[in-house]
Amino acid sequence: MVVIMSKRYPPEVREKAVRLALERLDEFESPYAAARTIGLMVDVHYETLRVWIKKALAEGSRPAAQPPQGLPPAEREELLRLRKEVRDRKQANEILKLASAFFARELDPRRH
């Protein structure tokens, strides 16, 4: 018999994980694939994150917009490259924030 234990995530973890997933959704073939990858990075079960993503999309949240098509190809490529770089740096910062919040809770002497 398999026992499934519910893991409650703080609201800030949920918000950050969904934001990361929506920002990077265009890099994956589906929300499921995004949840599998990003869930590992933010320590959220992929199925939980997939449900959160699905709900956010149903509520009208949309992934980042594509660059304007009126730009010359070189500028469009540079814009895409820079957006990806910014997105990657934001993701790294979000992961570090989540990790620091996690360790702060773990090391809190009042918790034991």
C-alpha atoms as a PDB file:
ATOM      1  CA  MET A   1       0.000   0.000   0.000  1.00  0.00           C
ATOM      2  CA  VAL A   2       1.361   3.409  -0.967  1.00  0.00           C
ATOM      3  CA  VAL A   3       0.716   6.285   1.375  1.00  0.00           C
ATOM      4  CA  ILE A   4       0.587   9.692  -0.249  1.00  0.00           C
ATOM      5  CA  MET A   5       1.392  12.516   2.100  1.00  0.00           C
ATOM      6  CA  SER A   6       0.132  15.971   1.375  1.00  0.00           C
ATOM      7  CA  LYS A   7       2.779  18.672   1.356  1.00  0.00           C
ATOM      8  CA  ARG A   8       1.529  22.194   1.967  1.00  0.00           C
ATOM      9  CA  TYR A   9       3.430  24.904   0.138  1.00  0.00           C
ATOM     10  CA  PRO A  10       3.549  28.496   1.372  1.00  0.00           C
ATOM     11  CA  PRO A  11       1.744  30.976  -0.912  1.00  0.00           C
ATOM     12  CA  GLU A  12       5.014  32.691  -1.854  1.00  0.00           C
ATOM     13  CA  VAL A  13       6.451  29.382  -3.088  1.00  0.00           C
ATOM     14  CA  ARG A  14       3.350  28.795  -5.182  1.00  0.00           C
ATOM     15  CA  GLU A  15       3.434  32.305  -6.685  1.00  0.00           C
ATOM     16  CA  LYS A  16       7.123  32.142  -7.542  1.00  0.00           C
ATOM     17  CA  ALA A  17       6.918  28.636  -8.986  1.00  0.00           C
ATOM     18  CA  VAL A  18       3.946  29.537 -11.195  1.00  0.00           C
ATOM     19  CA  ARG A  19       5.604  32.769 -12.318  1.00  0.00           C
ATOM     20  CA  LEU A  20       8.775  30.900 -13.256  1.00  0.00           C
ATOM     21  CA  ALA A  21       6.785  28.291 -15.139  1.00  0.00           C
ATOM     22  CA  LEU A  22       4.731  30.854 -17.054  1.00  0.00           C
ATOM     23  CA  GLU A  23       7.832  32.859 -17.946  1.00  0.00           C
ATOM     24  CA  ARG A  24       9.519  29.765 -19.358  1.00  0.00           C
ATOM     25  CA  LEU A  25       6.461  28.001 -20.784  1.00  0.00           C
ATOM     26  CA  ASP A  26       7.495  28.801 -24.362  1.00  0.00           C
ATOM     27  CA  GLU A  27      10.667  26.728 -23.883  1.00  0.00           C
ATOM     28  CA  PHE A  28       8.696  23.530 -23.303  1.00  0.00           C
ATOM     29  CA  GLU A  29       6.353  21.495 -25.442  1.00  0.00           C
ATOM     30  CA  SER A  30       3.620  21.492 -22.807  1.00  0.00           C
ATOM     31  CA  PRO A  31       2.762  22.728 -19.314  1.00  0.00           C
ATOM     32  CA  TYR A  32       3.418  19.156 -18.134  1.00  0.00           C
ATOM     33  CA  ALA A  33       6.994  19.251 -19.452  1.00  0.00           C
ATOM     34  CA  ALA A  34       7.514  22.673 -17.873  1.00  0.00           C
ATOM     35  CA  ALA A  35       6.181  21.415 -14.528  1.00  0.00           C
ATOM     36  CA  ARG A  36       8.472  18.363 -14.620  1.00  0.00           C
ATOM     37  CA  THR A  37      11.566  20.498 -15.119  1.00  0.00           C
ATOM     38  CA  ILE A  38      10.748  23.574 -13.053  1.00  0.00           C
ATOM     39  CA  GLY A  39       9.208  21.543 -10.227  1.00  0.00           C
ATOM     40  CA  LEU A  40      12.600  19.938  -9.596  1.00  0.00           C
ATOM     41  CA  MET A  41      14.283  23.342  -9.491  1.00  0.00           C
ATOM     42  CA  VAL A  42      11.894  24.826  -6.928  1.00  0.00           C
ATOM     43  CA  ASP A  43      11.251  21.649  -4.906  1.00  0.00           C
ATOM     44  CA  VAL A  44       7.565  21.442  -5.788  1.00  0.00           C
ATOM     45  CA  HIS A  45       6.023  18.172  -6.932  1.00  0.00           C
ATOM     46  CA  TYR A  46       5.552  18.344 -10.697  1.00  0.00           C
ATOM     47  CA  GLU A  47       1.891  17.337 -10.611  1.00  0.00           C
ATOM     48  CA  THR A  48       1.108  20.032  -8.056  1.00  0.00           C
ATOM     49  CA  LEU A  49       2.910  22.624 -10.196  1.00  0.00           C
ATOM     50  CA  ARG A  50       1.118  21.385 -13.332  1.00  0.00           C
ATOM     51  CA  VAL A  51      -2.252  21.938 -11.645  1.00  0.00           C
ATOM     52  CA  TRP A  52      -1.170  25.418 -10.521  1.00  0.00           C
ATOM     53  CA  ILE A  53      -0.041  26.271 -14.072  1.00  0.00           C
ATOM     54  CA  LYS A  54      -3.282  24.964 -15.543  1.00  0.00           C
ATOM     55  CA  LYS A  55      -5.298  27.046 -13.085  1.00  0.00           C
ATOM     56  CA  ALA A  56      -3.235  30.197 -13.778  1.00  0.00           C
ATOM     57  CA  LEU A  57      -3.717  29.778 -17.524  1.00  0.00           C
ATOM     58  CA  ALA A  58      -7.458  29.259 -17.046  1.00  0.00           C
ATOM     59  CA  GLU A  59      -7.605  32.454 -14.973  1.00  0.00           C
ATOM     60  CA  GLY A  60      -6.059  34.414 -17.814  1.00  0.00           C
ATOM     61  CA  SER A  61      -2.351  34.442 -16.997  1.00  0.00           C
ATOM     62  CA  ARG A  62      -0.357  34.162 -20.168  1.00  0.00           C
ATOM     63  CA  PRO A  63       3.256  33.341 -20.939  1.00  0.00           C
ATOM     64  CA  ALA A  64       5.636  36.152 -21.933  1.00  0.00           C
ATOM     65  CA  ALA A  65       4.800  37.826 -25.231  1.00  0.00           C
ATOM     66  CA  GLN A  66       6.800  37.263 -28.402  1.00  0.00           C
ATOM     67  CA  PRO A  67       8.901  40.141 -29.753  1.00  0.00           C
ATOM     68  CA  PRO A  68       7.323  42.488 -32.291  1.00  0.00           C
ATOM     69  CA  GLN A  69       7.567  41.166 -35.831  1.00  0.00           C
ATOM     70  CA  GLY A  70       8.427  44.595 -37.308  1.00  0.00           C
ATOM     71  CA  LEU A  71      12.017  44.401 -36.011  1.00  0.00           C
ATOM     72  CA  PRO A  72      14.912  43.505 -38.298  1.00  0.00           C
ATOM     73  CA  PRO A  73      15.993  39.859 -37.871  1.00  0.00           C
ATOM     74  CA  ALA A  74      19.253  40.742 -36.092  1.00  0.00           C
ATOM     75  CA  GLU A  75      17.455  42.917 -33.531  1.00  0.00           C
ATOM     76  CA  ARG A  76      14.723  40.312 -33.048  1.00  0.00           C
ATOM     77  CA  GLU A  77      17.358  37.641 -32.347  1.00  0.00           C
ATOM     78  CA  GLU A  78      19.181  39.929 -29.931  1.00  0.00           C
ATOM     79  CA  LEU A  79      15.914  40.774 -28.169  1.00  0.00           C
ATOM     80  CA  LEU A  80      15.072  37.072 -27.811  1.00  0.00           C
ATOM     81  CA  ARG A  81      18.585  36.346 -26.520  1.00  0.00           C
ATOM     82  CA  LEU A  82      18.407  39.181 -23.984  1.00  0.00           C
ATOM     83  CA  ARG A  83      14.933  38.155 -22.813  1.00  0.00           C
ATOM     84  CA  LYS A  84      16.173  34.606 -22.289  1.00  0.00           C
ATOM     85  CA  GLU A  85      19.184  35.904 -20.354  1.00  0.00           C
ATOM     86  CA  VAL A  86      16.973  38.073 -18.132  1.00  0.00           C
ATOM     87  CA  ARG A  87      14.554  35.179 -17.618  1.00  0.00           C
ATOM     88  CA  ASP A  88      17.429  32.853 -16.651  1.00  0.00           C
ATOM     89  CA  ARG A  89      18.808  35.382 -14.176  1.00  0.00           C
ATOM     90  CA  LYS A  90      15.372  35.960 -12.655  1.00  0.00           C
ATOM     91  CA  GLN A  91      14.934  32.206 -12.356  1.00  0.00           C
ATOM     92  CA  ALA A  92      18.276  31.866 -10.578  1.00  0.00           C
ATOM     93  CA  ASN A  93      17.293  34.658  -8.184  1.00  0.00           C
ATOM     94  CA  GLU A  94      13.901  33.058  -7.490  1.00  0.00           C
ATOM     95  CA  ILE A  95      15.543  29.703  -6.784  1.00  0.00           C
ATOM     96  CA  LEU A  96      18.005  31.350  -4.405  1.00  0.00           C
ATOM     97  CA  LYS A  97      15.164  33.179  -2.629  1.00  0.00           C
ATOM     98  CA  LEU A  98      13.199  29.951  -2.242  1.00  0.00           C
ATOM     99  CA  ALA A  99      16.267  28.151  -0.930  1.00  0.00           C
ATOM    100  CA  SER A 100      17.058  30.883   1.580  1.00  0.00           C
ATOM    101  CA  ALA A 101      13.441  30.907   2.816  1.00  0.00           C
ATOM    102  CA  PHE A 102      13.522  27.122   3.149  1.00  0.00           C
ATOM    103  CA  PHE A 103      16.760  27.130   5.133  1.00  0.00           C
ATOM    104  CA  ALA A 104      15.588  30.009   7.298  1.00  0.00           C
ATOM    105  CA  ARG A 105      12.534  27.947   8.271  1.00  0.00           C
ATOM    106  CA  GLU A 106      14.661  24.833   8.851  1.00  0.00           C
ATOM    107  CA  LEU A 107      17.137  26.686  11.062  1.00  0.00           C
ATOM    108  CA  ASP A 108      14.491  28.575  13.054  1.00  0.00           C
ATOM    109  CA  PRO A 109      15.060  27.554  16.703  1.00  0.00           C
ATOM    110  CA  ARG A 110      11.396  28.214  17.545  1.00  0.00           C
ATOM    111  CA  ARG A 111      10.387  25.473  15.103  1.00  0.00           C
ATOM    112  CA  HIS A 112      11.988  22.645  17.112  1.00  0.00           C
END
